[in-house]
N, C-alpha and C. Protein backbone atom coordinates (compact mmCIF):
# COMPACT_ATOMS: atom_id res chain seq x y z
N MET A 1 -32.35 -15.34 160.01
CA MET A 1 -32.88 -14.01 160.18
C MET A 1 -33.05 -13.37 158.80
N ALA A 2 -34.11 -12.64 158.63
CA ALA A 2 -34.39 -11.98 157.35
C ALA A 2 -33.31 -10.95 157.04
N PRO A 3 -32.90 -10.84 155.78
CA PRO A 3 -31.85 -9.88 155.41
C PRO A 3 -32.16 -8.45 155.86
N ALA A 4 -33.41 -8.03 155.75
CA ALA A 4 -33.77 -6.67 156.15
C ALA A 4 -33.53 -6.45 157.64
N ASN A 5 -33.80 -7.47 158.44
CA ASN A 5 -33.56 -7.36 159.88
C ASN A 5 -32.08 -7.24 160.20
N VAL A 6 -31.27 -8.01 159.50
CA VAL A 6 -29.82 -7.95 159.70
C VAL A 6 -29.31 -6.56 159.35
N LEU A 7 -29.78 -6.02 158.24
CA LEU A 7 -29.33 -4.70 157.81
C LEU A 7 -29.79 -3.61 158.77
N LEU A 8 -30.98 -3.76 159.32
CA LEU A 8 -31.45 -2.82 160.35
C LEU A 8 -30.54 -2.88 161.57
N LEU A 9 -30.13 -4.07 161.95
CA LEU A 9 -29.23 -4.22 163.10
C LEU A 9 -27.87 -3.61 162.81
N ALA A 10 -27.39 -3.71 161.57
CA ALA A 10 -26.13 -3.06 161.20
C ALA A 10 -26.24 -1.55 161.33
N PHE A 11 -27.38 -0.99 160.90
CA PHE A 11 -27.62 0.44 161.07
C PHE A 11 -27.65 0.81 162.55
N LEU A 12 -28.37 0.01 163.34
CA LEU A 12 -28.52 0.32 164.77
C LEU A 12 -27.20 0.26 165.52
N ILE A 13 -26.35 -0.72 165.22
CA ILE A 13 -25.06 -0.77 165.92
C ILE A 13 -24.24 0.45 165.54
N GLY A 14 -24.36 0.88 164.28
CA GLY A 14 -23.72 2.13 163.88
C GLY A 14 -24.28 3.32 164.63
N PHE A 15 -25.60 3.35 164.80
CA PHE A 15 -26.24 4.43 165.55
C PHE A 15 -25.65 4.52 166.96
N PHE A 16 -25.50 3.38 167.61
CA PHE A 16 -24.93 3.38 168.96
C PHE A 16 -23.47 3.83 168.94
N ASN A 17 -22.76 3.57 167.82
CA ASN A 17 -21.41 4.10 167.66
C ASN A 17 -21.42 5.63 167.65
N GLY A 18 -22.48 6.20 167.14
CA GLY A 18 -22.60 7.65 167.13
C GLY A 18 -22.76 8.22 168.53
N LEU A 19 -23.31 7.43 169.44
CA LEU A 19 -23.46 7.88 170.82
C LEU A 19 -22.16 7.70 171.61
N ARG A 20 -21.54 6.56 171.46
CA ARG A 20 -20.25 6.25 172.11
C ARG A 20 -19.45 5.45 171.09
N SER A 21 -18.34 5.98 170.67
CA SER A 21 -17.61 5.38 169.56
C SER A 21 -17.02 4.01 169.87
N LEU A 22 -16.70 3.73 171.10
CA LEU A 22 -15.97 2.50 171.40
C LEU A 22 -16.79 1.42 172.11
N THR A 23 -17.94 1.77 172.64
CA THR A 23 -18.75 0.77 173.32
C THR A 23 -19.29 -0.29 172.36
N PRO A 24 -19.89 0.09 171.23
CA PRO A 24 -20.38 -0.96 170.31
C PRO A 24 -19.29 -1.91 169.81
N PRO A 25 -18.10 -1.41 169.42
CA PRO A 25 -17.08 -2.38 169.02
C PRO A 25 -16.67 -3.33 170.16
N ALA A 26 -16.67 -2.81 171.40
CA ALA A 26 -16.35 -3.68 172.54
C ALA A 26 -17.42 -4.75 172.71
N VAL A 27 -18.68 -4.36 172.58
CA VAL A 27 -19.78 -5.32 172.70
C VAL A 27 -19.72 -6.34 171.56
N VAL A 28 -19.48 -5.87 170.35
CA VAL A 28 -19.36 -6.78 169.20
C VAL A 28 -18.20 -7.75 169.40
N ALA A 29 -17.08 -7.22 169.89
CA ALA A 29 -15.90 -8.08 170.12
C ALA A 29 -16.20 -9.17 171.14
N TRP A 30 -16.85 -8.80 172.25
CA TRP A 30 -17.19 -9.81 173.25
C TRP A 30 -18.23 -10.79 172.74
N ALA A 31 -19.20 -10.28 171.96
CA ALA A 31 -20.21 -11.18 171.39
C ALA A 31 -19.56 -12.21 170.46
N ALA A 32 -18.60 -11.77 169.67
CA ALA A 32 -17.88 -12.69 168.79
C ALA A 32 -17.01 -13.65 169.61
N HIS A 33 -16.34 -13.10 170.61
CA HIS A 33 -15.47 -13.93 171.46
C HIS A 33 -16.27 -15.03 172.17
N LEU A 34 -17.48 -14.68 172.60
CA LEU A 34 -18.31 -15.64 173.33
C LEU A 34 -19.13 -16.55 172.42
N GLY A 35 -19.02 -16.33 171.11
CA GLY A 35 -19.72 -17.18 170.16
C GLY A 35 -21.15 -16.75 169.86
N TRP A 36 -21.58 -15.59 170.34
CA TRP A 36 -22.92 -15.10 170.03
C TRP A 36 -23.01 -14.68 168.57
N LEU A 37 -21.93 -14.11 168.06
CA LEU A 37 -21.84 -13.69 166.66
C LEU A 37 -20.80 -14.55 165.98
N LYS A 38 -21.15 -15.10 164.84
CA LYS A 38 -20.20 -15.88 164.03
C LYS A 38 -19.75 -14.95 162.90
N ILE A 39 -18.65 -14.26 163.13
CA ILE A 39 -18.15 -13.28 162.17
C ILE A 39 -17.10 -13.95 161.30
N PRO A 40 -17.33 -13.99 159.99
CA PRO A 40 -16.37 -14.64 159.09
C PRO A 40 -15.14 -13.77 158.84
N SER A 41 -14.12 -14.38 158.26
CA SER A 41 -12.94 -13.62 157.82
C SER A 41 -13.38 -12.64 156.76
N PRO A 42 -12.76 -11.53 156.64
CA PRO A 42 -11.54 -11.07 157.29
C PRO A 42 -11.77 -10.33 158.61
N LEU A 43 -13.01 -10.34 159.11
CA LEU A 43 -13.31 -9.60 160.34
C LEU A 43 -13.30 -10.47 161.60
N SER A 44 -13.00 -11.74 161.46
CA SER A 44 -13.06 -12.66 162.59
C SER A 44 -12.09 -12.29 163.71
N TRP A 45 -11.05 -11.51 163.40
CA TRP A 45 -10.08 -11.09 164.42
C TRP A 45 -10.74 -10.35 165.58
N ILE A 46 -11.89 -9.72 165.33
CA ILE A 46 -12.52 -8.94 166.39
C ILE A 46 -12.98 -9.83 167.54
N GLY A 47 -13.12 -11.11 167.30
CA GLY A 47 -13.52 -12.03 168.35
C GLY A 47 -12.37 -12.56 169.20
N SER A 48 -11.16 -12.11 168.91
CA SER A 48 -10.02 -12.56 169.71
C SER A 48 -10.06 -11.93 171.10
N THR A 49 -9.43 -12.60 172.04
CA THR A 49 -9.34 -12.05 173.40
C THR A 49 -8.65 -10.70 173.39
N THR A 50 -7.60 -10.58 172.60
CA THR A 50 -6.85 -9.31 172.53
C THR A 50 -7.76 -8.18 172.07
N ALA A 51 -8.54 -8.40 171.01
CA ALA A 51 -9.43 -7.36 170.50
C ALA A 51 -10.51 -7.01 171.51
N ALA A 52 -11.08 -8.03 172.15
CA ALA A 52 -12.15 -7.78 173.14
C ALA A 52 -11.63 -6.95 174.30
N VAL A 53 -10.46 -7.30 174.81
CA VAL A 53 -9.88 -6.55 175.93
C VAL A 53 -9.48 -5.15 175.48
N PHE A 54 -8.87 -5.03 174.32
CA PHE A 54 -8.45 -3.74 173.77
C PHE A 54 -9.64 -2.78 173.66
N PHE A 55 -10.71 -3.23 173.00
CA PHE A 55 -11.87 -2.36 172.82
C PHE A 55 -12.56 -2.07 174.15
N THR A 56 -12.54 -3.01 175.07
CA THR A 56 -13.16 -2.79 176.38
C THR A 56 -12.42 -1.72 177.16
N VAL A 57 -11.10 -1.80 177.17
CA VAL A 57 -10.31 -0.79 177.88
C VAL A 57 -10.55 0.59 177.27
N LEU A 58 -10.53 0.66 175.95
CA LEU A 58 -10.76 1.96 175.30
C LEU A 58 -12.18 2.46 175.56
N ALA A 59 -13.16 1.57 175.58
CA ALA A 59 -14.54 1.97 175.85
C ALA A 59 -14.68 2.52 177.27
N LEU A 60 -14.03 1.88 178.23
CA LEU A 60 -14.08 2.36 179.61
C LEU A 60 -13.44 3.75 179.73
N VAL A 61 -12.33 3.93 179.05
CA VAL A 61 -11.67 5.26 179.05
C VAL A 61 -12.61 6.29 178.44
N GLU A 62 -13.26 5.93 177.33
CA GLU A 62 -14.18 6.87 176.69
C GLU A 62 -15.36 7.21 177.60
N LEU A 63 -15.90 6.22 178.30
CA LEU A 63 -17.04 6.47 179.19
C LEU A 63 -16.68 7.48 180.27
N VAL A 64 -15.45 7.45 180.74
CA VAL A 64 -14.99 8.41 181.74
C VAL A 64 -14.69 9.76 181.07
N ALA A 65 -13.95 9.73 179.97
CA ALA A 65 -13.54 10.97 179.30
C ALA A 65 -14.72 11.79 178.82
N ASP A 66 -15.80 11.12 178.45
CA ASP A 66 -16.98 11.84 177.96
C ASP A 66 -17.55 12.79 179.00
N LYS A 67 -17.34 12.49 180.26
CA LYS A 67 -17.92 13.31 181.33
C LYS A 67 -17.03 14.49 181.71
N LEU A 68 -15.82 14.54 181.18
CA LEU A 68 -14.89 15.62 181.54
C LEU A 68 -15.24 16.90 180.80
N PRO A 69 -15.09 18.04 181.47
CA PRO A 69 -15.50 19.31 180.85
C PRO A 69 -14.70 19.71 179.61
N LYS A 70 -13.49 19.26 179.48
CA LYS A 70 -12.65 19.67 178.34
C LYS A 70 -12.74 18.71 177.15
N THR A 71 -13.59 17.69 177.26
CA THR A 71 -13.74 16.74 176.16
C THR A 71 -14.40 17.45 174.98
N PRO A 72 -13.80 17.33 173.79
CA PRO A 72 -14.40 18.00 172.62
C PRO A 72 -15.74 17.38 172.22
N SER A 73 -16.51 18.12 171.48
CA SER A 73 -17.80 17.66 171.00
C SER A 73 -17.64 16.43 170.11
N ARG A 74 -18.62 15.57 170.14
CA ARG A 74 -18.61 14.38 169.28
C ARG A 74 -18.66 14.74 167.81
N THR A 75 -19.09 15.97 167.49
CA THR A 75 -19.18 16.40 166.10
C THR A 75 -17.88 17.04 165.61
N ALA A 76 -16.91 17.22 166.50
CA ALA A 76 -15.59 17.73 166.10
C ALA A 76 -14.88 16.64 165.29
N PRO A 77 -14.01 17.03 164.35
CA PRO A 77 -13.41 16.05 163.43
C PRO A 77 -12.82 14.78 164.06
N PRO A 78 -12.01 14.84 165.11
CA PRO A 78 -11.45 13.57 165.62
C PRO A 78 -12.52 12.59 166.08
N GLY A 79 -13.49 13.07 166.86
CA GLY A 79 -14.55 12.19 167.36
C GLY A 79 -15.46 11.71 166.25
N LEU A 80 -15.74 12.60 165.30
CA LEU A 80 -16.61 12.22 164.19
C LEU A 80 -15.97 11.16 163.31
N VAL A 81 -14.68 11.32 163.02
CA VAL A 81 -13.97 10.34 162.20
C VAL A 81 -13.95 8.98 162.91
N ALA A 82 -13.68 8.99 164.21
CA ALA A 82 -13.67 7.73 164.97
C ALA A 82 -15.04 7.06 164.92
N ARG A 83 -16.09 7.83 165.07
CA ARG A 83 -17.44 7.27 165.04
C ARG A 83 -17.76 6.68 163.67
N ILE A 84 -17.34 7.36 162.61
CA ILE A 84 -17.58 6.87 161.25
C ILE A 84 -16.82 5.55 161.02
N LEU A 85 -15.53 5.54 161.35
CA LEU A 85 -14.72 4.34 161.11
C LEU A 85 -15.19 3.16 161.96
N LEU A 86 -15.45 3.42 163.23
CA LEU A 86 -15.87 2.32 164.10
C LEU A 86 -17.31 1.91 163.84
N GLY A 87 -18.13 2.84 163.37
CA GLY A 87 -19.49 2.47 162.93
C GLY A 87 -19.43 1.54 161.73
N ALA A 88 -18.50 1.84 160.81
CA ALA A 88 -18.31 0.97 159.65
C ALA A 88 -17.86 -0.43 160.09
N LEU A 89 -16.91 -0.49 161.01
CA LEU A 89 -16.43 -1.78 161.51
C LEU A 89 -17.55 -2.56 162.19
N SER A 90 -18.26 -1.91 163.10
CA SER A 90 -19.34 -2.60 163.83
C SER A 90 -20.44 -3.04 162.88
N GLY A 91 -20.84 -2.17 161.95
CA GLY A 91 -21.88 -2.51 160.99
C GLY A 91 -21.47 -3.68 160.11
N ALA A 92 -20.22 -3.67 159.65
CA ALA A 92 -19.72 -4.77 158.81
C ALA A 92 -19.72 -6.09 159.58
N CYS A 93 -19.32 -6.05 160.84
CA CYS A 93 -19.30 -7.26 161.66
C CYS A 93 -20.71 -7.82 161.85
N VAL A 94 -21.65 -6.95 162.20
CA VAL A 94 -23.03 -7.40 162.43
C VAL A 94 -23.64 -7.94 161.14
N ALA A 95 -23.46 -7.21 160.04
CA ALA A 95 -24.03 -7.66 158.77
C ALA A 95 -23.44 -9.00 158.34
N SER A 96 -22.12 -9.14 158.44
CA SER A 96 -21.51 -10.40 158.01
C SER A 96 -21.90 -11.56 158.92
N ALA A 97 -22.10 -11.28 160.22
CA ALA A 97 -22.56 -12.34 161.12
C ALA A 97 -23.96 -12.81 160.76
N GLY A 98 -24.73 -11.92 160.13
CA GLY A 98 -26.08 -12.28 159.71
C GLY A 98 -26.17 -12.73 158.27
N GLY A 99 -25.01 -12.99 157.65
CA GLY A 99 -24.98 -13.51 156.29
C GLY A 99 -25.15 -12.46 155.21
N GLN A 100 -24.99 -11.21 155.56
CA GLN A 100 -25.10 -10.13 154.58
C GLN A 100 -23.71 -9.60 154.25
N GLY A 101 -23.63 -8.76 153.25
CA GLY A 101 -22.35 -8.24 152.81
C GLY A 101 -21.71 -7.27 153.78
N MET A 102 -20.39 -7.40 153.91
CA MET A 102 -19.65 -6.51 154.80
C MET A 102 -19.69 -5.06 154.32
N VAL A 103 -19.62 -4.86 153.01
CA VAL A 103 -19.60 -3.49 152.48
C VAL A 103 -20.92 -2.79 152.78
N LEU A 104 -22.03 -3.46 152.52
CA LEU A 104 -23.33 -2.87 152.82
C LEU A 104 -23.48 -2.64 154.32
N GLY A 105 -23.01 -3.58 155.11
CA GLY A 105 -23.05 -3.41 156.57
C GLY A 105 -22.22 -2.22 157.01
N ALA A 106 -21.04 -2.04 156.39
CA ALA A 106 -20.19 -0.89 156.73
C ALA A 106 -20.88 0.42 156.36
N ILE A 107 -21.50 0.45 155.19
CA ILE A 107 -22.20 1.67 154.77
C ILE A 107 -23.34 1.99 155.73
N LEU A 108 -24.12 0.97 156.09
CA LEU A 108 -25.21 1.20 157.04
C LEU A 108 -24.69 1.58 158.42
N GLY A 109 -23.55 1.02 158.80
CA GLY A 109 -22.93 1.41 160.07
C GLY A 109 -22.50 2.86 160.06
N ILE A 110 -21.99 3.34 158.92
CA ILE A 110 -21.60 4.75 158.79
C ILE A 110 -22.83 5.65 158.87
N VAL A 111 -23.87 5.30 158.12
CA VAL A 111 -25.10 6.10 158.15
C VAL A 111 -25.67 6.14 159.57
N GLY A 112 -25.68 4.99 160.23
CA GLY A 112 -26.15 4.93 161.60
C GLY A 112 -25.29 5.76 162.53
N ALA A 113 -23.97 5.70 162.34
CA ALA A 113 -23.06 6.49 163.18
C ALA A 113 -23.31 7.99 163.01
N LEU A 114 -23.53 8.42 161.79
CA LEU A 114 -23.82 9.84 161.56
C LEU A 114 -25.15 10.24 162.21
N ALA A 115 -26.16 9.38 162.07
CA ALA A 115 -27.45 9.66 162.70
C ALA A 115 -27.31 9.71 164.22
N GLY A 116 -26.57 8.77 164.77
CA GLY A 116 -26.37 8.74 166.22
C GLY A 116 -25.54 9.91 166.72
N THR A 117 -24.53 10.29 165.94
CA THR A 117 -23.67 11.40 166.34
C THR A 117 -24.47 12.70 166.43
N TYR A 118 -25.13 13.04 165.34
CA TYR A 118 -25.84 14.32 165.29
C TYR A 118 -27.16 14.28 166.05
N GLY A 119 -27.89 13.17 165.94
CA GLY A 119 -29.13 13.03 166.69
C GLY A 119 -28.88 12.97 168.19
N GLY A 120 -27.87 12.20 168.58
CA GLY A 120 -27.52 12.10 170.00
C GLY A 120 -27.08 13.43 170.58
N TYR A 121 -26.34 14.19 169.81
CA TYR A 121 -25.90 15.52 170.26
C TYR A 121 -27.11 16.42 170.51
N GLN A 122 -28.04 16.42 169.55
CA GLN A 122 -29.24 17.26 169.69
C GLN A 122 -30.09 16.83 170.88
N VAL A 123 -30.31 15.55 171.02
CA VAL A 123 -31.13 15.06 172.13
C VAL A 123 -30.46 15.38 173.46
N ARG A 124 -29.17 15.13 173.56
CA ARG A 124 -28.48 15.37 174.83
C ARG A 124 -28.51 16.84 175.21
N THR A 125 -28.18 17.73 174.29
CA THR A 125 -28.15 19.16 174.63
C THR A 125 -29.55 19.68 174.95
N ARG A 126 -30.55 19.20 174.23
CA ARG A 126 -31.92 19.66 174.49
C ARG A 126 -32.46 19.11 175.81
N LEU A 127 -32.12 17.87 176.13
CA LEU A 127 -32.56 17.30 177.41
C LEU A 127 -31.93 18.03 178.59
N VAL A 128 -30.67 18.36 178.48
CA VAL A 128 -30.00 19.10 179.56
C VAL A 128 -30.73 20.41 179.81
N LYS A 129 -31.06 21.13 178.73
CA LYS A 129 -31.76 22.41 178.87
C LYS A 129 -33.20 22.21 179.37
N ALA A 130 -33.91 21.25 178.80
CA ALA A 130 -35.32 21.05 179.14
C ALA A 130 -35.52 20.57 180.57
N VAL A 131 -34.67 19.65 181.00
CA VAL A 131 -34.83 19.06 182.33
C VAL A 131 -34.12 19.91 183.38
N GLY A 132 -33.13 20.68 182.94
CA GLY A 132 -32.38 21.52 183.88
C GLY A 132 -31.44 20.72 184.77
N THR A 133 -30.99 19.61 184.25
CA THR A 133 -30.09 18.74 185.01
C THR A 133 -28.66 18.91 184.47
N PRO A 134 -27.67 18.58 185.26
CA PRO A 134 -26.30 18.65 184.74
C PRO A 134 -26.11 17.69 183.55
N ASP A 135 -25.23 18.07 182.66
CA ASP A 135 -24.92 17.25 181.49
C ASP A 135 -24.51 15.84 181.89
N PHE A 136 -23.82 15.72 183.00
CA PHE A 136 -23.33 14.45 183.51
C PHE A 136 -24.46 13.42 183.63
N VAL A 137 -25.61 13.85 184.11
CA VAL A 137 -26.74 12.94 184.32
C VAL A 137 -27.25 12.40 182.98
N ILE A 138 -27.41 13.29 182.02
CA ILE A 138 -27.88 12.87 180.70
C ILE A 138 -26.83 12.00 180.02
N ALA A 139 -25.55 12.32 180.24
CA ALA A 139 -24.47 11.50 179.68
C ALA A 139 -24.52 10.07 180.23
N LEU A 140 -24.82 9.93 181.50
CA LEU A 140 -24.94 8.58 182.08
C LEU A 140 -26.12 7.82 181.46
N LEU A 141 -27.22 8.52 181.23
CA LEU A 141 -28.36 7.88 180.56
C LEU A 141 -27.98 7.46 179.14
N GLU A 142 -27.21 8.30 178.48
CA GLU A 142 -26.74 7.97 177.13
C GLU A 142 -25.83 6.74 177.15
N ASP A 143 -25.00 6.63 178.18
CA ASP A 143 -24.16 5.44 178.35
C ASP A 143 -25.04 4.19 178.45
N LEU A 144 -26.07 4.26 179.27
CA LEU A 144 -26.95 3.11 179.47
C LEU A 144 -27.68 2.73 178.18
N VAL A 145 -28.14 3.73 177.43
CA VAL A 145 -28.80 3.46 176.15
C VAL A 145 -27.83 2.78 175.20
N THR A 146 -26.59 3.27 175.15
CA THR A 146 -25.59 2.71 174.24
C THR A 146 -25.24 1.27 174.62
N ILE A 147 -24.98 1.04 175.88
CA ILE A 147 -24.62 -0.31 176.33
C ILE A 147 -25.79 -1.27 176.13
N GLY A 148 -26.96 -0.87 176.60
CA GLY A 148 -28.14 -1.72 176.46
C GLY A 148 -28.52 -1.96 175.01
N GLY A 149 -28.47 -0.91 174.20
CA GLY A 149 -28.81 -1.04 172.79
C GLY A 149 -27.84 -1.94 172.05
N SER A 150 -26.56 -1.77 172.34
CA SER A 150 -25.54 -2.61 171.69
C SER A 150 -25.70 -4.07 172.08
N LEU A 151 -25.97 -4.31 173.36
CA LEU A 151 -26.20 -5.69 173.80
C LEU A 151 -27.46 -6.26 173.16
N TRP A 152 -28.48 -5.45 173.02
CA TRP A 152 -29.71 -5.91 172.37
C TRP A 152 -29.43 -6.33 170.93
N VAL A 153 -28.65 -5.51 170.21
CA VAL A 153 -28.34 -5.82 168.81
C VAL A 153 -27.64 -7.16 168.70
N VAL A 154 -26.59 -7.38 169.47
CA VAL A 154 -25.82 -8.63 169.32
C VAL A 154 -26.57 -9.84 169.87
N SER A 155 -27.57 -9.61 170.70
CA SER A 155 -28.33 -10.74 171.24
C SER A 155 -29.41 -11.23 170.28
N ARG A 156 -29.58 -10.56 169.15
CA ARG A 156 -30.60 -10.96 168.17
C ARG A 156 -30.15 -12.14 167.32
N PHE A 157 -28.89 -12.54 167.42
CA PHE A 157 -28.37 -13.60 166.56
C PHE A 157 -28.41 -14.95 167.25
């Protein structure tokens, strides 16, 4: 795969981290576990059964928690920090699986996570107002975009 394509995928997995912080790492972990992604050390641990199950459980909790009325905004410090860190991890994993540098992949994952965090927030709030539907409906669509997009990214290898 061309280096530019790999780096675009690192950005995109980070972008999906901005929408849901734990779904992309869960998808990356399963992709590595199933052999779709060949992630070299020191990130190869993400392909372990323990990591795949851990991230999956956390992702499922996040998918439910996101719909609760008291859940803080994704742009609030705890959620934003999680998105940045996990975007870096996901981006580094994708980049290294494609033969590119982990550091550059992490940076692109962070940039993608920031774009997804703020862009996703704007799109979601504007869609709720424009369509006049409950936030829950748009949140479910966002879940589908995140899951489908993350699966698309890891299936490119």
